[in-house]
């Protein structure tokens, strides 16, 4: 493989990651709008807690996208450096590209754990309602 091909391999992966991050962002945006409307109609603590969690997740996704773009930028600089026969610069930019990508993936891991925690909050609420219904049925 030539020095130009190695950094180029990252482009498809980074593009797909960025698309995935954007999809998450749009889905969370829709959910925030829905929960905001629900909270205005019926302010409940669980809805407020979910909105707070989503606010943090939006911030994390923003950081994920930023590091993904930095990785893409460094990958491009790496290819340009190799093309201009500045191989040391190419290696440095390629290393920065990989490091930025790694940071993006670590932040993604944190966002996924918050997502699971938010789902557990909703499931706990459903379990509590279900237990109350079962208790009410037993009393009748």
Protein backbone atom coordinates (compact mmCIF):
# COMPACT_ATOMS: atom_id res chain seq x y z
CA UNK A 1 0.00 0.00 0.00
CA UNK A 2 1.32 3.44 -0.84
CA UNK A 3 1.42 6.22 1.79
CA UNK A 4 -1.53 7.87 0.03
CA UNK A 5 -3.81 4.84 0.31
CA UNK A 6 -3.53 4.25 4.05
CA UNK A 7 -5.11 7.55 5.21
CA UNK A 8 -7.64 7.31 2.39
CA UNK A 9 -9.05 4.16 4.00
CA UNK A 10 -10.34 6.28 6.87
CA UNK A 11 -12.58 8.43 4.66
CA UNK A 12 -15.35 5.87 4.20
CA UNK A 13 -15.35 4.94 7.89
CA UNK A 14 -15.35 8.55 9.05
CA UNK A 15 -18.15 9.42 6.62
CA UNK A 16 -20.31 6.57 7.89
CA UNK A 17 -19.63 7.50 11.51
CA UNK A 18 -20.52 11.11 10.82
CA UNK A 19 -23.76 10.00 9.14
CA UNK A 20 -24.55 7.81 12.15
CA UNK A 21 -23.88 10.70 14.55
CA UNK A 22 -26.10 13.00 12.51
CA UNK A 23 -28.88 10.42 12.56
CA UNK A 24 -28.62 10.18 16.36
CA UNK A 25 -28.70 13.97 16.61
CA UNK A 26 -31.84 14.26 14.49
CA UNK A 27 -33.61 11.47 16.42
CA UNK A 28 -32.79 13.10 19.74
CA UNK A 29 -33.94 16.48 18.41
CA UNK A 30 -37.31 15.00 17.54
CA UNK A 31 -37.55 13.32 20.94
CA UNK A 32 -36.69 16.57 22.73
CA UNK A 33 -39.45 18.41 20.86
CA UNK A 34 -41.96 15.69 21.77
CA UNK A 35 -40.93 15.61 25.43
CA UNK A 36 -40.92 19.40 25.63
CA UNK A 37 -44.50 19.48 24.41
CA UNK A 38 -45.43 16.69 26.84
CA UNK A 39 -43.74 18.51 29.73
CA UNK A 40 -45.57 21.77 28.99
CA UNK A 41 -48.91 19.93 29.00
CA UNK A 42 -48.17 17.79 32.06
CA UNK A 43 -44.98 18.64 34.00
CA UNK A 44 -43.68 15.40 35.47
CA UNK A 45 -40.31 14.79 37.05
CA UNK A 46 -39.57 11.80 34.82
CA UNK A 47 -40.05 13.88 31.65
CA UNK A 48 -37.84 16.63 33.05
CA UNK A 49 -35.16 14.04 33.91
CA UNK A 50 -35.29 12.67 30.38
CA UNK A 51 -34.99 16.15 28.88
CA UNK A 52 -31.93 16.81 31.07
CA UNK A 53 -30.38 13.53 29.91
CA UNK A 54 -31.10 14.40 26.27
CA UNK A 55 -29.48 17.80 26.74
CA UNK A 56 -26.26 16.08 27.86
CA UNK A 57 -26.48 13.60 25.00
CA UNK A 58 -26.86 16.40 22.43
CA UNK A 59 -23.71 18.00 23.82
CA UNK A 60 -21.84 14.69 23.59
CA UNK A 61 -22.99 14.14 20.01
CA UNK A 62 -21.76 17.62 19.14
CA UNK A 63 -18.32 16.69 20.51
CA UNK A 64 -18.40 13.34 18.68
CA UNK A 65 -19.07 15.14 15.39
CA UNK A 66 -16.34 17.72 16.07
CA UNK A 67 -13.69 15.05 16.66
CA UNK A 68 -14.93 13.13 13.64
CA UNK A 69 -14.46 16.24 11.49
CA UNK A 70 -11.02 16.88 12.99
CA UNK A 71 -10.13 13.31 12.08
CA UNK A 72 -11.32 13.86 8.51
CA UNK A 73 -9.35 17.11 8.29
CA UNK A 74 -6.17 15.47 9.61
CA UNK A 75 -6.62 12.54 7.22
CA UNK A 76 -6.88 14.97 4.32
CA UNK A 77 -3.77 16.84 5.50
CA UNK A 78 -1.98 13.49 5.77
CA UNK A 79 -2.75 12.65 2.14
CA UNK A 80 -1.66 16.11 1.01
CA UNK A 81 1.57 15.81 3.01
CA UNK A 82 2.36 12.42 1.48
CA UNK A 83 1.51 13.75 -1.98
CA UNK A 84 4.01 16.59 -1.45
CA UNK A 85 6.64 14.05 -0.27
CA UNK A 86 6.52 15.38 3.29
CA UNK A 87 6.24 11.91 4.79
CA UNK A 88 6.92 12.92 8.39
CA UNK A 89 4.06 15.43 8.23
CA UNK A 90 1.88 12.76 6.66
CA UNK A 91 2.61 10.39 9.51
CA UNK A 92 1.94 13.07 12.11
CA UNK A 93 -1.37 14.04 10.51
CA UNK A 94 -2.36 10.40 10.14
CA UNK A 95 -1.61 9.81 13.84
CA UNK A 96 -3.68 12.87 14.78
CA UNK A 97 -6.48 11.58 12.57
CA UNK A 98 -6.51 8.22 14.35
CA UNK A 99 -6.29 9.87 17.76
CA UNK A 100 -9.24 12.18 16.97
CA UNK A 101 -11.24 9.22 15.72
CA UNK A 102 -10.48 7.33 18.93
CA UNK A 103 -11.65 10.28 21.05
CA UNK A 104 -14.86 10.43 19.00
CA UNK A 105 -15.50 6.73 19.61
CA UNK A 106 -14.83 7.06 23.36
CA UNK A 107 -17.35 9.92 23.57
CA UNK A 108 -19.77 7.76 21.58
CA UNK A 109 -19.40 5.02 24.19
CA UNK A 110 -20.34 7.52 26.92
CA UNK A 111 -23.36 8.68 24.89
CA UNK A 112 -24.54 5.10 24.44
CA UNK A 113 -24.33 4.49 28.19
CA UNK A 114 -26.44 7.61 28.82
CA UNK A 115 -28.91 6.39 26.23
CA UNK A 116 -29.28 3.07 28.05
CA UNK A 117 -29.68 4.89 31.38
CA UNK A 118 -32.46 7.05 29.88
CA UNK A 119 -34.27 3.97 28.61
CA UNK A 120 -33.99 2.40 32.06
CA UNK A 121 -35.61 5.50 33.60
CA UNK A 122 -38.59 5.08 31.28
CA UNK A 123 -38.78 1.33 31.91
CA UNK A 124 -38.71 1.90 35.69
CA UNK A 125 -41.64 4.28 35.34
CA UNK A 126 -43.59 1.71 33.30
CA UNK A 127 -42.82 -1.01 35.87
CA UNK A 128 -44.10 1.17 38.70
CA UNK A 129 -47.35 1.90 36.85
CA UNK A 130 -47.77 -1.79 36.05
CA UNK A 131 -47.24 -2.78 39.71
CA UNK A 132 -49.87 -0.24 40.81
CA UNK A 133 -52.33 -1.66 38.28
CA UNK A 134 -51.66 -5.21 39.46
CA UNK A 135 -52.13 -4.16 43.11
CA UNK A 136 -55.38 -2.35 42.23
CA UNK A 137 -56.67 -5.45 40.41
CA UNK A 138 -55.84 -7.69 43.37
CA UNK A 139 -57.72 -5.34 45.72
CA UNK A 140 -60.85 -5.63 43.55
